[in-house]
Amino acid sequence: MFAAQGYPDLVDPFFGPFASTVSALRFWRDYDGRGGDQWDALIYPRLQARKAGLRIRSVSVSYQHPEEMTRAEQHNISFTIKRIKQVCSSAVSLRHI
């Protein structure tokens, strides 16, 4: 989805740790919750920074998701609902960009 819109590095940038330059931190500092104020606090500032011309890139890290977490989440309606809410929140943030 993002690559088709000129954002090749935004494949899965929204969750997990990230690093930033000091100058880019203003997008998080100035975020006012206009995107719905749930997970969008991770999404909206990053997209605003990209829109302002800052470079966003991904860095591969060695990570293996714990099998017990995967088992706990698979076929669990509570986690499915949580993921749906995350996607909806992301869509709201994108709408406000």
C-alpha atoms as a PDB file:
ATOM      1  CA  MET A   1       0.000   0.000   0.000  1.00  0.00           C
ATOM      2  CA  PHE A   2       2.628   2.558   1.018  1.00  0.00           C
ATOM      3  CA  ALA A   3       5.156   1.620  -1.663  1.00  0.00           C
ATOM      4  CA  ALA A   4       2.579   2.378  -4.345  1.00  0.00           C
ATOM      5  CA  GLN A   5       2.230   5.885  -2.926  1.00  0.00           C
ATOM      6  CA  GLY A   6       5.957   6.614  -2.887  1.00  0.00           C
ATOM      7  CA  TYR A   7       6.634   5.416   0.638  1.00  0.00           C
ATOM      8  CA  PRO A   8       8.752   2.285   0.079  1.00  0.00           C
ATOM      9  CA  ASP A   9      10.187   2.303   3.615  1.00  0.00           C
ATOM     10  CA  LEU A  10       6.803   2.501   5.298  1.00  0.00           C
ATOM     11  CA  VAL A  11       5.971  -1.169   5.046  1.00  0.00           C
ATOM     12  CA  ASP A  12       5.471  -1.667   8.785  1.00  0.00           C
ATOM     13  CA  PRO A  13       6.812   1.431  10.504  1.00  0.00           C
ATOM     14  CA  PHE A  14       4.104   2.005  13.017  1.00  0.00           C
ATOM     15  CA  PHE A  15       4.754  -0.323  15.904  1.00  0.00           C
ATOM     16  CA  GLY A  16       7.837  -1.125  17.869  1.00  0.00           C
ATOM     17  CA  PRO A  17      10.812   0.998  18.831  1.00  0.00           C
ATOM     18  CA  PHE A  18      12.196   3.709  16.611  1.00  0.00           C
ATOM     19  CA  ALA A  19      15.002   6.227  16.632  1.00  0.00           C
ATOM     20  CA  SER A  20      14.750   9.850  15.640  1.00  0.00           C
ATOM     21  CA  THR A  21      16.853  12.921  15.156  1.00  0.00           C
ATOM     22  CA  VAL A  22      16.263  15.738  17.613  1.00  0.00           C
ATOM     23  CA  SER A  23      14.780  17.891  14.856  1.00  0.00           C
ATOM     24  CA  ALA A  24      12.177  15.238  14.033  1.00  0.00           C
ATOM     25  CA  LEU A  25      10.987  14.929  17.625  1.00  0.00           C
ATOM     26  CA  ARG A  26       8.890  18.058  17.186  1.00  0.00           C
ATOM     27  CA  PHE A  27       6.323  16.004  15.277  1.00  0.00           C
ATOM     28  CA  TRP A  28       5.724  13.867  18.369  1.00  0.00           C
ATOM     29  CA  ARG A  29       5.978  16.801  20.780  1.00  0.00           C
ATOM     30  CA  ASP A  30       3.455  18.845  18.801  1.00  0.00           C
ATOM     31  CA  TYR A  31       1.038  16.003  18.121  1.00  0.00           C
ATOM     32  CA  ASP A  32      -2.408  17.074  19.325  1.00  0.00           C
ATOM     33  CA  GLY A  33      -4.372  13.845  19.048  1.00  0.00           C
ATOM     34  CA  ARG A  34      -6.275  14.937  15.943  1.00  0.00           C
ATOM     35  CA  GLY A  35      -6.062  11.451  14.446  1.00  0.00           C
ATOM     36  CA  GLY A  36      -8.142   9.819  17.159  1.00  0.00           C
ATOM     37  CA  ASP A  37      -5.505   9.600  19.906  1.00  0.00           C
ATOM     38  CA  GLN A  38      -5.083   5.869  20.304  1.00  0.00           C
ATOM     39  CA  TRP A  39      -2.350   4.121  18.277  1.00  0.00           C
ATOM     40  CA  ASP A  40      -2.294   7.108  15.951  1.00  0.00           C
ATOM     41  CA  ALA A  41       0.209   8.785  18.288  1.00  0.00           C
ATOM     42  CA  LEU A  42       2.722   6.366  16.777  1.00  0.00           C
ATOM     43  CA  ILE A  43       1.503   6.773  13.217  1.00  0.00           C
ATOM     44  CA  TYR A  44       0.486  10.372  12.625  1.00  0.00           C
ATOM     45  CA  PRO A  45       3.732  12.110  13.691  1.00  0.00           C
ATOM     46  CA  ARG A  46       5.800   9.744  11.569  1.00  0.00           C
ATOM     47  CA  LEU A  47       3.694  10.450   8.498  1.00  0.00           C
ATOM     48  CA  GLN A  48       3.831  14.183   9.182  1.00  0.00           C
ATOM     49  CA  ALA A  49       7.628  13.977   9.363  1.00  0.00           C
ATOM     50  CA  ARG A  50       7.683  12.134   6.031  1.00  0.00           C
ATOM     51  CA  LYS A  51       5.348  14.683   4.506  1.00  0.00           C
ATOM     52  CA  ALA A  52       7.721  17.434   5.668  1.00  0.00           C
ATOM     53  CA  GLY A  53      10.530  15.772   3.728  1.00  0.00           C
ATOM     54  CA  LEU A  54      12.324  13.940   6.501  1.00  0.00           C
ATOM     55  CA  ARG A  55      13.723  10.573   5.558  1.00  0.00           C
ATOM     56  CA  ILE A  56      12.126   7.539   7.148  1.00  0.00           C
ATOM     57  CA  ARG A  57      13.873   4.240   6.821  1.00  0.00           C
ATOM     58  CA  SER A  58      13.717   0.779   8.249  1.00  0.00           C
ATOM     59  CA  VAL A  59      16.574  -1.085   9.814  1.00  0.00           C
ATOM     60  CA  SER A  60      16.527  -4.850  10.084  1.00  0.00           C
ATOM     61  CA  VAL A  61      17.028  -6.259  13.535  1.00  0.00           C
ATOM     62  CA  SER A  62      17.373  -9.813  14.694  1.00  0.00           C
ATOM     63  CA  TYR A  63      14.049 -10.646  16.306  1.00  0.00           C
ATOM     64  CA  GLN A  64      12.226 -13.863  16.917  1.00  0.00           C
ATOM     65  CA  HIS A  65       8.687 -13.495  18.177  1.00  0.00           C
ATOM     66  CA  PRO A  66       8.105 -15.699  21.236  1.00  0.00           C
ATOM     67  CA  GLU A  67       6.117 -18.777  20.262  1.00  0.00           C
ATOM     68  CA  GLU A  68       4.060 -18.567  23.443  1.00  0.00           C
ATOM     69  CA  MET A  69       2.881 -15.065  22.481  1.00  0.00           C
ATOM     70  CA  THR A  70       1.914 -16.262  19.026  1.00  0.00           C
ATOM     71  CA  ARG A  71      -0.006 -19.190  20.511  1.00  0.00           C
ATOM     72  CA  ALA A  72      -1.763 -16.887  23.003  1.00  0.00           C
ATOM     73  CA  GLU A  73      -2.881 -14.519  20.231  1.00  0.00           C
ATOM     74  CA  GLN A  74      -3.854 -17.014  17.524  1.00  0.00           C
ATOM     75  CA  HIS A  75      -7.558 -17.793  17.363  1.00  0.00           C
ATOM     76  CA  ASN A  76      -8.199 -15.425  20.283  1.00  0.00           C
ATOM     77  CA  ILE A  77     -11.104 -13.093  19.535  1.00  0.00           C
ATOM     78  CA  SER A  78      -9.826 -10.439  21.968  1.00  0.00           C
ATOM     79  CA  PHE A  79      -6.558 -10.106  20.063  1.00  0.00           C
ATOM     80  CA  THR A  80      -8.366 -10.174  16.729  1.00  0.00           C
ATOM     81  CA  ILE A  81     -10.549  -7.274  17.871  1.00  0.00           C
ATOM     82  CA  LYS A  82      -7.465  -5.403  19.102  1.00  0.00           C
ATOM     83  CA  ARG A  83      -5.777  -5.781  15.696  1.00  0.00           C
ATOM     84  CA  ILE A  84      -8.908  -4.585  13.903  1.00  0.00           C
ATOM     85  CA  LYS A  85      -8.992  -1.509  16.147  1.00  0.00           C
ATOM     86  CA  GLN A  86      -5.332  -0.855  15.361  1.00  0.00           C
ATOM     87  CA  VAL A  87      -6.007  -0.976  11.627  1.00  0.00           C
ATOM     88  CA  CYS A  88      -9.013   1.332  11.992  1.00  0.00           C
ATOM     89  CA  SER A  89      -6.978   3.774  14.060  1.00  0.00           C
ATOM     90  CA  SER A  90      -4.285   3.719  11.380  1.00  0.00           C
ATOM     91  CA  ALA A  91      -6.860   4.515   8.716  1.00  0.00           C
ATOM     92  CA  VAL A  92      -8.115   7.486  10.736  1.00  0.00           C
ATOM     93  CA  SER A  93      -4.559   8.820  11.030  1.00  0.00           C
ATOM     94  CA  LEU A  94      -3.969   8.472   7.307  1.00  0.00           C
ATOM     95  CA  ARG A  95      -7.183  10.347   6.583  1.00  0.00           C
ATOM     96  CA  HIS A  96      -5.924  13.371   8.539  1.00  0.00           C
ATOM     97  CA  ILE A  97      -2.578  13.666   6.742  1.00  0.00           C
END
